[in-house]
Protein backbone atom coordinates (compact mmCIF):
# COMPACT_ATOMS: atom_id res chain seq x y z
CA MET A 1 7.14 -38.66 14.58
CA SER A 2 10.16 -36.72 15.62
CA ASP A 3 10.11 -32.92 16.49
CA GLU A 4 12.49 -32.20 13.71
CA HIS A 5 10.13 -33.76 11.31
CA GLN A 6 6.94 -31.89 12.67
CA VAL A 7 8.72 -28.68 12.20
CA GLU A 8 9.50 -29.52 8.75
CA GLU A 9 6.09 -30.34 7.98
CA LYS A 10 4.84 -27.03 9.64
CA LEU A 11 7.35 -25.27 7.45
CA HIS A 12 5.88 -26.84 4.33
CA GLU A 13 2.30 -25.94 5.50
CA LEU A 14 3.31 -22.29 6.03
CA ILE A 15 5.01 -22.02 2.54
CA ARG A 16 1.98 -23.52 0.72
CA SER A 17 -0.21 -20.98 2.65
CA TRP A 18 1.58 -18.26 0.98
CA GLY A 19 0.56 -19.55 -2.57
CA VAL A 20 4.06 -20.84 -3.55
CA SER A 21 4.20 -23.09 -6.33
CA THR A 22 5.54 -26.66 -5.86
CA PHE A 23 8.51 -25.78 -7.97
CA SER A 24 9.39 -22.81 -5.93
CA GLU A 25 8.59 -24.51 -2.51
CA ARG A 26 12.08 -25.93 -2.13
CA ILE A 27 13.82 -22.63 -2.59
CA ALA A 28 11.51 -21.09 -0.09
CA LEU A 29 12.32 -23.64 2.41
CA GLN A 30 15.98 -23.17 1.96
CA TRP A 31 15.36 -19.20 2.57
CA ILE A 32 13.47 -19.98 5.61
CA LYS A 33 16.02 -22.46 7.14
CA ARG A 34 18.60 -19.80 6.64
CA PHE A 35 16.47 -17.13 8.25
CA LEU A 36 15.96 -19.74 11.35
CA GLY A 37 19.48 -20.35 11.76
CA SER A 38 20.55 -16.88 12.26
CA ASP A 39 21.25 -15.70 15.89
CA SER A 40 23.23 -12.59 15.10
CA GLY A 41 21.82 -9.22 16.04
CA HIS A 42 23.64 -7.88 12.91
CA ASP A 43 22.24 -10.68 10.53
CA ALA A 44 19.96 -9.25 8.03
CA PHE A 45 17.67 -12.40 8.14
CA LEU A 46 17.26 -12.32 12.08
CA ARG A 47 14.03 -10.18 11.78
CA LEU A 48 12.55 -12.64 9.16
CA GLY A 49 13.40 -15.47 11.14
CA LYS A 50 11.27 -13.97 14.19
CA TRP A 51 8.49 -13.13 11.83
CA ILE A 52 8.49 -16.87 10.66
CA VAL A 53 8.45 -18.19 14.20
CA LEU A 54 5.34 -15.93 14.94
CA GLN A 55 3.56 -17.51 12.02
CA LEU A 56 4.60 -21.07 12.97
CA ASN A 57 3.06 -20.37 16.44
CA GLN A 58 0.12 -18.92 14.90
CA ARG A 59 0.88 -15.27 16.22
CA ARG A 60 0.64 -11.95 14.42
CA ILE A 61 1.78 -9.38 16.80
CA PRO A 62 5.43 -8.93 17.61
CA HIS A 63 6.46 -7.66 20.99
CA ASP A 64 7.99 -4.44 19.62
CA CYS A 65 5.15 -2.99 17.83
CA SER A 66 3.10 0.12 18.58
CA SER A 67 -0.30 -0.26 20.10
CA TRP A 68 -1.28 1.75 16.91
CA GLN A 69 -0.17 -1.00 14.65
CA VAL A 70 -2.26 -4.00 16.50
CA GLY A 71 -4.93 -3.97 13.78
CA CYS A 72 -2.30 -4.44 10.93
CA PRO A 73 -2.68 -7.73 9.18
CA GLU A 74 1.11 -8.21 8.71
CA LEU A 75 3.79 -7.05 11.33
CA ILE A 76 7.42 -8.00 10.85
CA PRO A 77 9.44 -7.56 13.94
CA LEU A 78 12.54 -5.45 14.55
CA LEU A 79 11.47 -2.57 12.11
CA ARG A 80 11.51 0.96 13.24
CA SER A 81 7.93 2.09 14.29
CA THR A 82 7.30 5.74 13.99
CA PRO A 83 3.94 7.07 12.53
CA VAL A 84 5.47 9.99 10.63
CA TRP A 85 9.02 10.00 9.16
CA ASP A 86 11.48 12.54 8.67
CA CYS A 87 11.90 13.16 4.99
CA SER A 88 15.53 13.77 4.99
CA GLU A 89 16.02 9.86 5.16
CA PHE A 90 14.47 9.70 1.75
CA PRO A 91 16.96 11.55 -0.82
CA TRP A 92 14.25 11.05 -3.57
CA ILE A 93 11.92 13.52 -1.75
CA GLN A 94 14.01 16.19 -3.25
CA THR A 95 13.30 15.10 -6.73
CA LEU A 96 9.44 14.82 -6.17
CA GLU A 97 9.40 18.19 -4.64
CA SER A 98 11.69 20.10 -7.12
CA ASN A 99 9.47 18.50 -9.89
CA PHE A 100 6.27 19.52 -8.15
CA ALA A 101 5.11 22.16 -11.00
CA VAL A 102 5.67 19.52 -13.59
CA ILE A 103 4.01 16.74 -11.78
CA LYS A 104 0.97 18.96 -10.97
CA GLU A 105 0.70 20.36 -14.68
CA GLU A 106 0.69 16.47 -15.94
CA LEU A 107 -2.12 15.72 -13.41
CA LEU A 108 -4.08 18.82 -14.41
CA ALA A 109 -3.86 17.87 -18.22
CA LEU A 110 -5.98 14.81 -17.29
CA LYS A 111 -9.07 17.03 -16.38
CA ASN A 112 -9.38 17.67 -20.21
CA ASN A 113 -9.14 14.01 -21.13
CA ALA A 114 -12.52 12.77 -22.44
CA LYS A 115 -12.14 9.61 -20.77
CA SER A 116 -11.56 9.64 -17.04
CA ALA A 117 -8.89 7.12 -15.79
CA PHE A 118 -10.15 7.72 -12.09
CA GLN A 119 -12.15 5.00 -10.63
CA PRO A 120 -14.14 4.82 -7.37
CA TYR A 121 -11.83 3.26 -4.42
CA ARG A 122 -13.11 -0.15 -3.57
CA ALA A 123 -12.02 -2.78 -1.08
CA PRO A 124 -13.58 -6.62 -0.62
CA SER A 125 -16.63 -6.52 1.52
CA TRP A 126 -14.81 -8.03 4.44
CA ALA A 127 -12.30 -5.24 4.63
CA SER A 128 -15.15 -2.46 5.66
CA ASP A 129 -18.54 -2.20 7.01
CA ILE A 130 -19.43 0.48 4.62
CA ASP A 131 -21.60 -0.60 1.68
CA THR A 132 -21.33 0.86 -1.78
CA LYS A 133 -24.22 2.31 -4.01
CA ASP A 134 -23.26 0.03 -6.91
CA GLY A 135 -22.93 -3.17 -4.57
CA LEU A 136 -19.24 -3.46 -5.64
CA GLY A 137 -17.16 -4.46 -2.74
CA SER A 138 -17.07 -1.96 0.21
CA ALA A 139 -15.97 1.61 0.72
CA GLY A 140 -13.28 3.17 2.74
CA HIS A 141 -15.05 6.75 3.29
CA ASP A 142 -18.15 7.31 5.47
CA ALA A 143 -18.61 10.93 4.07
CA GLY A 144 -18.08 12.29 0.57
CA ASP A 145 -16.60 10.51 -2.30
CA TRP A 146 -12.97 8.71 -2.90
CA ASN A 147 -11.58 7.99 -6.24
CA VAL A 148 -8.24 6.73 -7.34
CA LEU A 149 -6.19 6.56 -10.54
CA TYR A 150 -3.63 3.75 -10.53
CA LEU A 151 -0.15 4.12 -12.01
CA PHE A 152 1.50 1.04 -10.44
CA LEU A 153 -0.32 -2.05 -8.55
CA HIS A 154 2.26 -4.87 -8.38
CA ASN A 155 1.67 -7.01 -11.50
CA VAL A 156 -1.69 -5.47 -12.53
CA ASN A 157 -1.28 -3.71 -16.05
CA PHE A 158 -1.81 0.20 -15.91
CA GLN A 159 0.30 0.93 -18.73
CA ALA A 160 -2.35 3.01 -20.44
CA ASN A 161 -2.51 5.38 -17.11
CA ARG A 162 1.13 5.75 -16.99
CA GLN A 163 1.14 6.81 -20.69
CA MET A 164 -0.84 9.61 -19.71
CA CYS A 165 1.41 10.70 -17.13
CA PRO A 166 4.70 9.84 -18.47
CA LYS A 167 6.86 12.32 -16.57
CA ILE A 168 5.68 11.21 -12.91
CA ALA A 169 5.73 7.48 -14.07
CA ALA A 170 9.39 8.04 -14.93
CA ILE A 171 10.17 9.66 -11.69
CA ILE A 172 8.55 6.97 -9.65
CA GLU A 173 10.50 4.23 -11.44
CA SER A 174 13.70 5.93 -10.69
CA ILE A 175 12.99 6.00 -6.81
CA ASP A 176 15.28 3.59 -5.07
CA GLY A 177 13.05 1.10 -2.88
CA HIS A 178 9.78 1.68 -4.91
CA TYR A 179 7.30 -0.69 -3.82
CA ASP A 180 5.46 -0.91 -7.14
CA HIS A 181 2.45 0.71 -5.84
CA ALA A 182 1.45 4.25 -6.60
CA PHE A 183 -1.73 6.11 -7.35
CA TYR A 184 -3.24 9.56 -7.45
CA SER A 185 -6.10 9.80 -4.64
CA ALA A 186 -8.87 12.37 -4.92
CA LEU A 187 -11.13 13.21 -2.06
CA ALA A 188 -14.23 15.27 -3.09
CA PRO A 189 -15.33 18.12 -0.80
CA ARG A 190 -16.55 17.13 2.67
CA THR A 191 -14.88 13.56 2.35
CA HIS A 192 -13.79 11.55 5.40
CA ILE A 193 -11.65 8.21 4.82
CA LYS A 194 -12.35 6.32 8.10
CA LYS A 195 -9.70 5.01 10.25
CA HIS A 196 -7.84 1.84 9.24
CA HIS A 197 -4.66 0.05 8.86
CA GLY A 198 -2.60 -0.67 5.74
CA PRO A 199 -1.79 -4.42 4.96
CA THR A 200 1.80 -4.49 6.17
CA ASN A 201 4.65 -2.53 8.02
CA LYS A 202 7.15 -3.61 5.46
CA LYS A 203 6.49 -0.64 3.30
CA LEU A 204 6.10 3.32 3.94
CA ARG A 205 3.91 5.81 2.17
CA CYS A 206 4.69 9.02 0.85
CA HIS A 207 2.24 11.77 0.01
CA LEU A 208 2.85 14.55 -2.47
CA PRO A 209 -0.08 16.82 -2.14
CA LEU A 210 -0.90 18.38 -5.70
CA VAL A 211 -4.27 20.01 -5.25
CA VAL A 212 -4.93 20.94 -1.82
CA PRO A 213 -7.54 23.47 -0.40
CA GLU A 214 -5.48 25.45 2.20
CA GLY A 215 -5.76 24.62 5.84
CA LYS A 216 -8.75 22.18 4.89
CA CYS A 217 -7.10 18.92 4.65
CA ARG A 218 -5.35 16.68 7.31
CA LEU A 219 -4.21 13.13 7.97
CA ARG A 220 -4.05 11.44 11.39
CA VAL A 221 -1.56 8.71 11.83
CA GLY A 222 -1.48 7.25 15.32
CA ASP A 223 -1.51 10.30 17.59
CA GLU A 224 0.09 12.59 15.16
CA VAL A 225 -1.77 14.93 12.72
CA VAL A 226 -0.21 16.23 9.61
CA TYR A 227 -2.10 19.32 7.78
CA MET A 228 -1.26 18.96 4.04
CA GLN A 229 0.48 21.69 1.95
CA GLU A 230 0.82 21.63 -1.93
CA GLY A 231 4.19 20.44 -2.88
CA LYS A 232 5.32 19.52 0.53
CA CYS A 233 5.92 15.65 0.85
CA PHE A 234 5.40 13.74 3.91
CA VAL A 235 6.18 10.00 4.55
CA PHE A 236 4.23 7.77 7.20
CA ASP A 237 3.85 4.30 8.20
CA ASP A 238 0.29 3.29 7.03
CA SER A 239 0.44 0.00 9.48
CA PHE A 240 -0.40 2.46 12.10
CA GLU A 241 -4.19 3.41 12.33
CA HIS A 242 -4.84 6.47 10.36
CA GLU A 243 -7.67 8.43 8.74
CA ALA A 244 -7.96 11.37 6.38
CA TRP A 245 -10.28 14.65 5.76
CA ASN A 246 -11.11 17.04 3.27
CA ASP A 247 -13.25 19.65 5.01
CA ASP A 248 -13.51 21.95 2.28
CA ASP A 249 -17.18 22.47 1.27
CA THR A 250 -16.45 23.20 -2.62
CA ARG A 251 -12.92 21.97 -3.60
CA SER A 252 -11.44 18.53 -4.16
CA ARG A 253 -8.13 17.33 -2.62
CA ILE A 254 -5.51 15.30 -4.86
CA VAL A 255 -2.41 13.80 -3.76
CA LEU A 256 0.06 11.43 -5.44
CA ILE A 257 0.64 8.30 -3.20
CA ILE A 258 4.01 6.38 -3.44
CA ASP A 259 4.87 3.22 -1.57
CA VAL A 260 8.47 2.37 -0.68
CA TRP A 261 10.13 -0.40 0.98
CA HIS A 262 10.70 0.13 4.67
CA PRO A 263 14.30 1.46 4.79
CA ASP A 264 15.44 -0.96 7.24
CA LEU A 265 15.00 -3.86 5.14
CA SER A 266 17.97 -5.12 3.41
CA VAL A 267 18.21 -5.99 -0.23
CA GLN A 268 18.35 -9.69 0.82
CA GLU A 269 15.01 -9.22 2.63
CA ARG A 270 13.35 -7.28 0.07
CA LYS A 271 14.15 -9.91 -2.48
CA PHE A 272 12.60 -12.72 -0.34
CA LEU A 273 9.42 -10.68 0.41
CA SER A 274 9.11 -9.67 -3.32
CA PHE A 275 9.11 -13.67 -3.98
CA LEU A 276 6.46 -14.04 -1.40
CA ARG A 277 4.42 -11.14 -2.56
CA ASN A 278 4.47 -12.22 -6.07
CA ALA A 279 3.29 -15.72 -5.18
CA GLN A 280 0.48 -14.57 -3.10
CA LEU A 281 -0.45 -12.16 -5.94
CA ARG A 282 -0.61 -15.29 -8.45
CA MET A 283 -2.78 -16.95 -5.93
CA ASP A 284 -5.05 -13.95 -5.47
CA LYS A 285 -5.45 -13.74 -9.25
CA THR A 286 -6.42 -17.44 -9.54
CA ARG A 287 -8.98 -16.90 -6.75
CA CYS A 288 -10.08 -13.87 -8.51
CA GLN A 289 -11.56 -16.21 -11.34
CA ASP A 290 -13.80 -17.87 -8.61
CA SER A 291 -14.58 -14.94 -6.53
CA GLY A 292 -16.07 -11.56 -7.26
CA ASP A 293 -15.12 -10.22 -3.98
CA ASN A 294 -11.40 -10.51 -4.39
CA PHE A 295 -9.39 -7.26 -4.27
CA TYR A 296 -8.21 -7.53 -7.97
CA SER A 297 -11.50 -8.62 -9.53
CA ILE A 298 -13.07 -5.52 -7.57
CA ILE A 299 -10.47 -3.00 -9.05
CA LYS A 300 -11.04 -4.50 -12.48
CA LYS A 301 -14.76 -4.07 -12.30
CA ALA A 302 -14.50 -0.76 -10.60
CA GLY A 303 -12.20 0.48 -13.38
CA GLU A 304 -14.60 -1.01 -16.27
CA ALA A 305 -17.68 0.49 -14.66
CA ASN A 306 -15.95 3.97 -15.00
CA THR A 307 -18.47 5.61 -12.49
CA SER A 308 -15.96 8.31 -11.33
CA THR A 309 -17.78 11.63 -12.37
CA HIS A 310 -15.72 14.47 -13.59
CA GLU A 311 -17.44 16.51 -10.79
CA VAL A 312 -16.31 14.78 -7.80
CA VAL A 313 -12.76 14.32 -9.02
CA TRP A 314 -12.26 17.92 -10.20
CA SER A 315 -14.40 20.05 -7.92
C-alpha cells in the first residue's frame, strides 16, 4: 500500500470517528485536503490543517498552548490563548450591559413561576469523581448546590425556556458569533465549583452577573482571579483550568453565561467546525438511546426529574 493510500485511509478513519454520515464523508474529505494543502501563514485554513495533523498523529496538545490548557480535550493550534479577555474586543458586550436592568428583571420574574425551569447541573460519570445524591451522572461542585436553566444548547430544544425569557433570548440571538450555548447558572450559598476545563478552545465564555452577593463571588481562570460585579461582563477562555466560588452564607449567585466563537476563527473555519459539531451531536444523540450516561440523556433526565428546589436557586 502506497504512503498516499495509507494517508487517505487514515483520513477516512478520522472522519468516521467524528460521526460524519456516509453522504457527508466526501464533503469532509474535500475540506480536509484543502486544509492540509495550505502553507500560507495568512491562510484561514492553516490552523485547521495543523489540528488535523495532530489528530492523524494521535496527538492532542499543540506546542503553542498554555500549560493551564493541557487538560482540555480539544485544542486547536494558533488561536490566541489568554485566560481573561478585554471586553472591548466584543462590541455586543455593550448591548448586554446596557440591558442589564431588563435582563435581571426578566430573570427575577421566574422566581414567581410555579414550575421551576432550573435543573441540577449534571455531567457524565466519567467527567467528575463527585457522585450525585440521585445517582444521575456526576456533579461539578464539591460543596453547596449548582443549578442551571438552559436557553440554548446546540440542537437541544429549550424553546419553552426561551419563551419565559424572550428579551434575553432575542439579545443572545443577535450576538455575532453566538455559539448556540447559553444558560443561567445559579450557585447556592457556600458553593464551590471544582477546578475543571471546558471542552474546547474554539469558543470563549461570557459571564453577565445578575444576582451577586457583593465581594463574595469569584472565578479563577488559570492564574487570574475575577471578582464578580452585578451588571459587569467579563469574557474568559474556559479551556483554561478554572473554578468558581460563592462564599456568601445566605444568598445565591446567578449569572447569565453565553458562549461565542473564538474571534480568531474565520467564517470558513466556523462553518467547517459547525459541520463537525453537528455531526458529533447527531452521533451523541444516537448513543444517547443506548447509554444512560450520555451528556444529552443526563440533561434530559435532570430536567424531567425537576429536583431543583426554589430555596437553593433563589436564596
